[in-house]
Amino acid sequence: MPLFRITLKRMKNSNGIRLEPGMSVDVSSSSFSNPVSTNGGKLVADAFYRVYGVDIKKAGALNMVDLDVERIGV
């Protein structure tokens, strides 16, 4: 199972949610494809909610413009 590190690229303040650059989560996926674009980014959104308590989907940041995806494990 590949391990991905997803990091926020820039500050975003939207819908009452403030996101800071550098916020990152690690997500393991059963697929080798990008977890932000797979299954509507559910794994990524759940990880950000679990770690930081923020809903990045509601903030409009669940996209490749705001997030940097790096595969760190196989």
PDB file of N, CA and C in Angstrom:
ATOM      1  N   MET A   1       0.841  -1.188   0.000  1.00  0.00           N
ATOM      2  CA  MET A   1       0.000   0.000   0.000  1.00  0.00           C
ATOM      3  C   MET A   1       0.880   1.242   0.000  1.00  0.00           C
ATOM      4  N   PRO A   2       0.747   2.067  -1.002  1.00  0.00           N
ATOM      5  CA  PRO A   2       1.552   3.287  -1.058  1.00  0.00           C
ATOM      6  C   PRO A   2       1.138   4.300   0.014  1.00  0.00           C
ATOM      7  N   LEU A   3       2.108   5.063   0.451  1.00  0.00           N
ATOM      8  CA  LEU A   3       1.883   6.105   1.446  1.00  0.00           C
ATOM      9  C   LEU A   3       2.109   7.456   0.779  1.00  0.00           C
ATOM     10  N   PHE A   4       1.160   8.355   0.959  1.00  0.00           N
ATOM     11  CA  PHE A   4       1.228   9.687   0.363  1.00  0.00           C
ATOM     12  C   PHE A   4       1.252  10.737   1.460  1.00  0.00           C
ATOM     13  N   ARG A   5       2.006  11.817   1.237  1.00  0.00           N
ATOM     14  CA  ARG A   5       1.980  12.987   2.117  1.00  0.00           C
ATOM     15  C   ARG A   5       1.315  14.118   1.340  1.00  0.00           C
ATOM     16  N   ILE A   6       0.230  14.630   1.904  1.00  0.00           N
ATOM     17  CA  ILE A   6      -0.524  15.706   1.281  1.00  0.00           C
ATOM     18  C   ILE A   6      -0.311  16.968   2.109  1.00  0.00           C
ATOM     19  N   THR A   7       0.176  18.026   1.476  1.00  0.00           N
ATOM     20  CA  THR A   7       0.527  19.269   2.165  1.00  0.00           C
ATOM     21  C   THR A   7      -0.209  20.441   1.535  1.00  0.00           C
ATOM     22  N   LEU A   8      -0.705  21.321   2.371  1.00  0.00           N
ATOM     23  CA  LEU A   8      -1.377  22.532   1.902  1.00  0.00           C
ATOM     24  C   LEU A   8      -0.328  23.527   1.409  1.00  0.00           C
ATOM     25  N   LYS A   9      -0.518  24.063   0.202  1.00  0.00           N
ATOM     26  CA  LYS A   9       0.468  24.959  -0.411  1.00  0.00           C
ATOM     27  C   LYS A   9       0.350  26.408   0.056  1.00  0.00           C
ATOM     28  N   ARG A  10      -0.867  26.872   0.316  1.00  0.00           N
ATOM     29  CA  ARG A  10      -1.053  28.293   0.601  1.00  0.00           C
ATOM     30  C   ARG A  10      -2.149  28.500   1.642  1.00  0.00           C
ATOM     31  N   MET A  11      -2.175  29.672   2.223  1.00  0.00           N
ATOM     32  CA  MET A  11      -3.188  30.007   3.218  1.00  0.00           C
ATOM     33  C   MET A  11      -4.530  30.170   2.524  1.00  0.00           C
ATOM     34  N   LYS A  12      -5.561  29.679   3.201  1.00  0.00           N
ATOM     35  CA  LYS A  12      -6.906  29.812   2.649  1.00  0.00           C
ATOM     36  C   LYS A  12      -7.863  30.058   3.795  1.00  0.00           C
ATOM     37  N   ASN A  13      -8.735  31.040   3.634  1.00  0.00           N
ATOM     38  CA  ASN A  13      -9.740  31.375   4.632  1.00  0.00           C
ATOM     39  C   ASN A  13     -11.076  31.438   3.898  1.00  0.00           C
ATOM     40  N   SER A  14     -11.868  30.364   4.039  1.00  0.00           N
ATOM     41  CA  SER A  14     -13.102  30.265   3.279  1.00  0.00           C
ATOM     42  C   SER A  14     -14.161  29.542   4.099  1.00  0.00           C
ATOM     43  N   ASN A  15     -15.388  30.024   4.037  1.00  0.00           N
ATOM     44  CA  ASN A  15     -16.523  29.426   4.756  1.00  0.00           C
ATOM     45  C   ASN A  15     -16.256  29.281   6.256  1.00  0.00           C
ATOM     46  N   GLY A  16     -15.550  30.227   6.819  1.00  0.00           N
ATOM     47  CA  GLY A  16     -15.267  30.200   8.252  1.00  0.00           C
ATOM     48  C   GLY A  16     -14.184  29.222   8.652  1.00  0.00           C
ATOM     49  N   ILE A  17     -13.466  28.676   7.683  1.00  0.00           N
ATOM     50  CA  ILE A  17     -12.396  27.709   7.954  1.00  0.00           C
ATOM     51  C   ILE A  17     -11.076  28.320   7.514  1.00  0.00           C
ATOM     52  N   ARG A  18     -10.108  28.324   8.418  1.00  0.00           N
ATOM     53  CA  ARG A  18      -8.792  28.876   8.104  1.00  0.00           C
ATOM     54  C   ARG A  18      -7.791  27.740   7.973  1.00  0.00           C
ATOM     55  N   LEU A  19      -7.126  27.690   6.831  1.00  0.00           N
ATOM     56  CA  LEU A  19      -6.110  26.686   6.553  1.00  0.00           C
ATOM     57  C   LEU A  19      -4.772  27.382   6.382  1.00  0.00           C
ATOM     58  N   GLU A  20      -3.747  26.830   6.972  1.00  0.00           N
ATOM     59  CA  GLU A  20      -2.408  27.423   6.921  1.00  0.00           C
ATOM     60  C   GLU A  20      -1.494  26.601   6.015  1.00  0.00           C
ATOM     61  N   PRO A  21      -0.584  27.268   5.302  1.00  0.00           N
ATOM     62  CA  PRO A  21       0.363  26.524   4.479  1.00  0.00           C
ATOM     63  C   PRO A  21       1.247  25.643   5.359  1.00  0.00           C
ATOM     64  N   GLY A  22       1.558  24.468   4.856  1.00  0.00           N
ATOM     65  CA  GLY A  22       2.398  23.544   5.605  1.00  0.00           C
ATOM     66  C   GLY A  22       1.611  22.499   6.375  1.00  0.00           C
ATOM     67  N   MET A  23       0.314  22.693   6.533  1.00  0.00           N
ATOM     68  CA  MET A  23      -0.497  21.657   7.175  1.00  0.00           C
ATOM     69  C   MET A  23      -0.403  20.412   6.305  1.00  0.00           C
ATOM     70  N   SER A  24      -0.064  19.273   6.909  1.00  0.00           N
ATOM     71  CA  SER A  24       0.087  18.072   6.101  1.00  0.00           C
ATOM     72  C   SER A  24      -0.434  16.846   6.832  1.00  0.00           C
ATOM     73  N   VAL A  25      -0.826  15.857   6.048  1.00  0.00           N
ATOM     74  CA  VAL A  25      -1.290  14.580   6.566  1.00  0.00           C
ATOM     75  C   VAL A  25      -0.664  13.474   5.729  1.00  0.00           C
ATOM     76  N   ASP A  26      -0.527  12.308   6.330  1.00  0.00           N
ATOM     77  CA  ASP A  26      -0.064  11.129   5.620  1.00  0.00           C
ATOM     78  C   ASP A  26      -1.250  10.195   5.428  1.00  0.00           C
ATOM     79  N   VAL A  27      -1.401   9.686   4.203  1.00  0.00           N
ATOM     80  CA  VAL A  27      -2.529   8.842   3.856  1.00  0.00           C
ATOM     81  C   VAL A  27      -2.009   7.592   3.153  1.00  0.00           C
ATOM     82  N   SER A  28      -2.437   6.428   3.618  1.00  0.00           N
ATOM     83  CA  SER A  28      -2.114   5.198   2.893  1.00  0.00           C
ATOM     84  C   SER A  28      -3.321   4.833   2.048  1.00  0.00           C
ATOM     85  N   SER A  29      -3.050   4.380   0.844  1.00  0.00           N
ATOM     86  CA  SER A  29      -4.117   4.094  -0.109  1.00  0.00           C
ATOM     87  C   SER A  29      -3.901   2.727  -0.722  1.00  0.00           C
ATOM     88  N   SER A  30      -4.975   2.074  -1.073  1.00  0.00           N
ATOM     89  CA  SER A  30      -4.863   0.783  -1.744  1.00  0.00           C
ATOM     90  C   SER A  30      -4.601   0.960  -3.238  1.00  0.00           C
ATOM     91  N   SER A  31      -4.681   2.198  -3.703  1.00  0.00           N
ATOM     92  CA  SER A  31      -4.462   2.517  -5.106  1.00  0.00           C
ATOM     93  C   SER A  31      -3.160   3.304  -5.262  1.00  0.00           C
ATOM     94  N   PHE A  32      -2.506   3.147  -6.402  1.00  0.00           N
ATOM     95  CA  PHE A  32      -1.279   3.886  -6.663  1.00  0.00           C
ATOM     96  C   PHE A  32      -1.549   5.265  -7.256  1.00  0.00           C
ATOM     97  N   SER A  33      -2.816   5.593  -7.494  1.00  0.00           N
ATOM     98  CA  SER A  33      -3.150   6.889  -8.077  1.00  0.00           C
ATOM     99  C   SER A  33      -3.302   7.958  -6.991  1.00  0.00           C
ATOM    100  N   ASN A  34      -3.361   9.178  -7.422  1.00  0.00           N
ATOM    101  CA  ASN A  34      -3.435  10.344  -6.548  1.00  0.00           C
ATOM    102  C   ASN A  34      -4.662  10.268  -5.622  1.00  0.00           C
ATOM    103  N   PRO A  35      -4.479  10.280  -4.299  1.00  0.00           N
ATOM    104  CA  PRO A  35      -5.621  10.168  -3.381  1.00  0.00           C
ATOM    105  C   PRO A  35      -6.535  11.395  -3.363  1.00  0.00           C
ATOM    106  N   VAL A  36      -6.061  12.536  -3.870  1.00  0.00           N
ATOM    107  CA  VAL A  36      -6.907  13.728  -3.924  1.00  0.00           C
ATOM    108  C   VAL A  36      -7.977  13.565  -5.003  1.00  0.00           C
ATOM    109  N   SER A  37      -7.615  12.917  -6.098  1.00  0.00           N
ATOM    110  CA  SER A  37      -8.562  12.752  -7.192  1.00  0.00           C
ATOM    111  C   SER A  37      -9.271  11.391  -7.177  1.00  0.00           C
ATOM    112  N   THR A  38      -8.869  10.491  -6.297  1.00  0.00           N
ATOM    113  CA  THR A  38      -9.496   9.174  -6.205  1.00  0.00           C
ATOM    114  C   THR A  38     -10.635   9.206  -5.187  1.00  0.00           C
ATOM    115  N   ASN A  39     -11.792   8.684  -5.582  1.00  0.00           N
ATOM    116  CA  ASN A  39     -12.947   8.571  -4.687  1.00  0.00           C
ATOM    117  C   ASN A  39     -13.363   9.923  -4.096  1.00  0.00           C
ATOM    118  N   GLY A  40     -13.220  10.975  -4.859  1.00  0.00           N
ATOM    119  CA  GLY A  40     -13.625  12.304  -4.409  1.00  0.00           C
ATOM    120  C   GLY A  40     -12.752  12.877  -3.307  1.00  0.00           C
ATOM    121  N   GLY A  41     -11.568  12.301  -3.094  1.00  0.00           N
ATOM    122  CA  GLY A  41     -10.655  12.794  -2.065  1.00  0.00           C
ATOM    123  C   GLY A  41     -11.089  12.468  -0.643  1.00  0.00           C
ATOM    124  N   LYS A  42     -11.952  11.480  -0.485  1.00  0.00           N
ATOM    125  CA  LYS A  42     -12.493  11.144   0.833  1.00  0.00           C
ATOM    126  C   LYS A  42     -11.406  10.808   1.849  1.00  0.00           C
ATOM    127  N   LEU A  43     -10.392  10.032   1.453  1.00  0.00           N
ATOM    128  CA  LEU A  43      -9.307   9.682   2.377  1.00  0.00           C
ATOM    129  C   LEU A  43      -8.574  10.930   2.867  1.00  0.00           C
ATOM    130  N   VAL A  44      -8.348  11.861   1.959  1.00  0.00           N
ATOM    131  CA  VAL A  44      -7.633  13.093   2.304  1.00  0.00           C
ATOM    132  C   VAL A  44      -8.481  13.975   3.214  1.00  0.00           C
ATOM    133  N   ALA A  45      -9.746  14.143   2.865  1.00  0.00           N
ATOM    134  CA  ALA A  45     -10.642  14.963   3.683  1.00  0.00           C
ATOM    135  C   ALA A  45     -10.783  14.377   5.083  1.00  0.00           C
ATOM    136  N   ASP A  46     -10.929  13.058   5.175  1.00  0.00           N
ATOM    137  CA  ASP A  46     -11.033  12.397   6.486  1.00  0.00           C
ATOM    138  C   ASP A  46      -9.762  12.579   7.308  1.00  0.00           C
ATOM    139  N   ALA A  47      -8.604  12.498   6.659  1.00  0.00           N
ATOM    140  CA  ALA A  47      -7.332  12.654   7.370  1.00  0.00           C
ATOM    141  C   ALA A  47      -7.171  14.074   7.913  1.00  0.00           C
ATOM    142  N   PHE A  48      -7.507  15.082   7.117  1.00  0.00           N
ATOM    143  CA  PHE A  48      -7.416  16.461   7.606  1.00  0.00           C
ATOM    144  C   PHE A  48      -8.392  16.703   8.750  1.00  0.00           C
ATOM    145  N   TYR A  49      -9.563  16.108   8.685  1.00  0.00           N
ATOM    146  CA  TYR A  49     -10.524  16.278   9.774  1.00  0.00           C
ATOM    147  C   TYR A  49     -10.037  15.578  11.042  1.00  0.00           C
ATOM    148  N   ARG A  50      -9.457  14.399  10.887  1.00  0.00           N
ATOM    149  CA  ARG A  50      -8.960  13.641  12.031  1.00  0.00           C
ATOM    150  C   ARG A  50      -7.778  14.349  12.712  1.00  0.00           C
ATOM    151  N   VAL A  51      -6.854  14.891  11.924  1.00  0.00           N
ATOM    152  CA  VAL A  51      -5.645  15.501  12.484  1.00  0.00           C
ATOM    153  C   VAL A  51      -5.881  16.939  12.954  1.00  0.00           C
ATOM    154  N   TYR A  52      -6.547  17.755  12.140  1.00  0.00           N
ATOM    155  CA  TYR A  52      -6.688  19.181  12.436  1.00  0.00           C
ATOM    156  C   TYR A  52      -8.107  19.607  12.813  1.00  0.00           C
ATOM    157  N   GLY A  53      -9.082  18.759  12.583  1.00  0.00           N
ATOM    158  CA  GLY A  53     -10.465  19.116  12.887  1.00  0.00           C
ATOM    159  C   GLY A  53     -11.060  20.107  11.911  1.00  0.00           C
ATOM    160  N   VAL A  54     -10.549  20.130  10.671  1.00  0.00           N
ATOM    161  CA  VAL A  54     -11.068  21.047   9.657  1.00  0.00           C
ATOM    162  C   VAL A  54     -11.605  20.260   8.473  1.00  0.00           C
ATOM    163  N   ASP A  55     -12.623  20.807   7.843  1.00  0.00           N
ATOM    164  CA  ASP A  55     -13.225  20.191   6.670  1.00  0.00           C
ATOM    165  C   ASP A  55     -12.685  20.906   5.434  1.00  0.00           C
ATOM    166  N   ILE A  56     -11.649  20.316   4.806  1.00  0.00           N
ATOM    167  CA  ILE A  56     -11.039  20.998   3.660  1.00  0.00           C
ATOM    168  C   ILE A  56     -11.952  20.989   2.437  1.00  0.00           C
ATOM    169  N   LYS A  57     -12.878  20.059   2.393  1.00  0.00           N
ATOM    170  CA  LYS A  57     -13.825  20.053   1.280  1.00  0.00           C
ATOM    171  C   LYS A  57     -14.766  21.254   1.391  1.00  0.00           C
ATOM    172  N   LYS A  58     -15.251  21.543   2.601  1.00  0.00           N
ATOM    173  CA  LYS A  58     -16.119  22.696   2.822  1.00  0.00           C
ATOM    174  C   LYS A  58     -15.359  24.003   2.558  1.00  0.00           C
ATOM    175  N   ALA A  59     -14.058  24.004   2.859  1.00  0.00           N
ATOM    176  CA  ALA A  59     -13.232  25.188   2.631  1.00  0.00           C
ATOM    177  C   ALA A  59     -12.863  25.358   1.154  1.00  0.00           C
ATOM    178  N   GLY A  60     -13.174  24.369   0.332  1.00  0.00           N
ATOM    179  CA  GLY A  60     -12.871  24.458  -1.094  1.00  0.00           C
ATOM    180  C   GLY A  60     -11.417  24.218  -1.420  1.00  0.00           C
ATOM    181  N   ALA A  61     -10.712  23.479  -0.556  1.00  0.00           N
ATOM    182  CA  ALA A  61      -9.283  23.262  -0.763  1.00  0.00           C
ATOM    183  C   ALA A  61      -8.944  21.829  -1.153  1.00  0.00           C
ATOM    184  N   LEU A  62      -9.937  21.033  -1.481  1.00  0.00           N
ATOM    185  CA  LEU A  62      -9.686  19.642  -1.849  1.00  0.00           C
ATOM    186  C   LEU A  62      -9.454  19.563  -3.359  1.00  0.00           C
ATOM    187  N   ASN A  63      -8.315  20.131  -3.779  1.00  0.00           N
ATOM    188  CA  ASN A  63      -7.965  20.155  -5.197  1.00  0.00           C
ATOM    189  C   ASN A  63      -6.453  20.243  -5.342  1.00  0.00           C
ATOM    190  N   MET A  64      -5.979  20.052  -6.549  1.00  0.00           N
ATOM    191  CA  MET A  64      -4.534  20.054  -6.786  1.00  0.00           C
ATOM    192  C   MET A  64      -3.941  21.457  -6.853  1.00  0.00           C
ATOM    193  N   VAL A  65      -4.751  22.484  -6.878  1.00  0.00           N
ATOM    194  CA  VAL A  65      -4.240  23.855  -6.831  1.00  0.00           C
ATOM    195  C   VAL A  65      -3.761  24.167  -5.415  1.00  0.00           C
ATOM    196  N   ASP A  66      -4.512  23.727  -4.415  1.00  0.00           N
ATOM    197  CA  ASP A  66      -4.196  24.033  -3.025  1.00  0.00           C
ATOM    198  C   ASP A  66      -3.360  22.964  -2.328  1.00  0.00           C
ATOM    199  N   LEU A  67      -3.314  21.768  -2.871  1.00  0.00           N
ATOM    200  CA  LEU A  67      -2.634  20.662  -2.200  1.00  0.00           C
ATOM    201  C   LEU A  67      -1.472  20.136  -3.030  1.00  0.00           C
ATOM    202  N   ASP A  68      -0.406  19.754  -2.342  1.00  0.00           N
ATOM    203  CA  ASP A  68       0.746  19.127  -2.963  1.00  0.00           C
ATOM    204  C   ASP A  68       0.759  17.664  -2.524  1.00  0.00           C
ATOM    205  N   VAL A  69       0.853  16.744  -3.467  1.00  0.00           N
ATOM    206  CA  VAL A  69       0.826  15.314  -3.164  1.00  0.00           C
ATOM    207  C   VAL A  69       2.191  14.724  -3.479  1.00  0.00           C
ATOM    208  N   GLU A  70       2.754  14.010  -2.501  1.00  0.00           N
ATOM    209  CA  GLU A  70       4.064  13.387  -2.653  1.00  0.00           C
ATOM    210  C   GLU A  70       3.958  11.942  -2.195  1.00  0.00           C
ATOM    211  N   ARG A  71       4.420  11.019  -3.022  1.00  0.00           N
ATOM    212  CA  ARG A  71       4.428   9.620  -2.616  1.00  0.00           C
ATOM    213  C   ARG A  71       5.700   9.371  -1.820  1.00  0.00           C
ATOM    214  N   ILE A  72       5.557   8.953  -0.562  1.00  0.00           N
ATOM    215  CA  ILE A  72       6.724   8.789   0.305  1.00  0.00           C
ATOM    216  C   ILE A  72       6.993   7.333   0.642  1.00  0.00           C
ATOM    217  N   GLY A  73       6.129   6.438   0.272  1.00  0.00           N
ATOM    218  CA  GLY A  73       6.342   5.019   0.555  1.00  0.00           C
ATOM    219  C   GLY A  73       5.693   4.175  -0.517  1.00  0.00           C
ATOM    220  N   VAL A  74       6.110   2.914  -0.566  1.00  0.00           N
ATOM    221  CA  VAL A  74       5.574   2.009  -1.589  1.00  0.00           C
ATOM    222  C   VAL A  74       4.467   1.175  -1.075  1.00  0.00           C
TER     223      VAL A  74
END
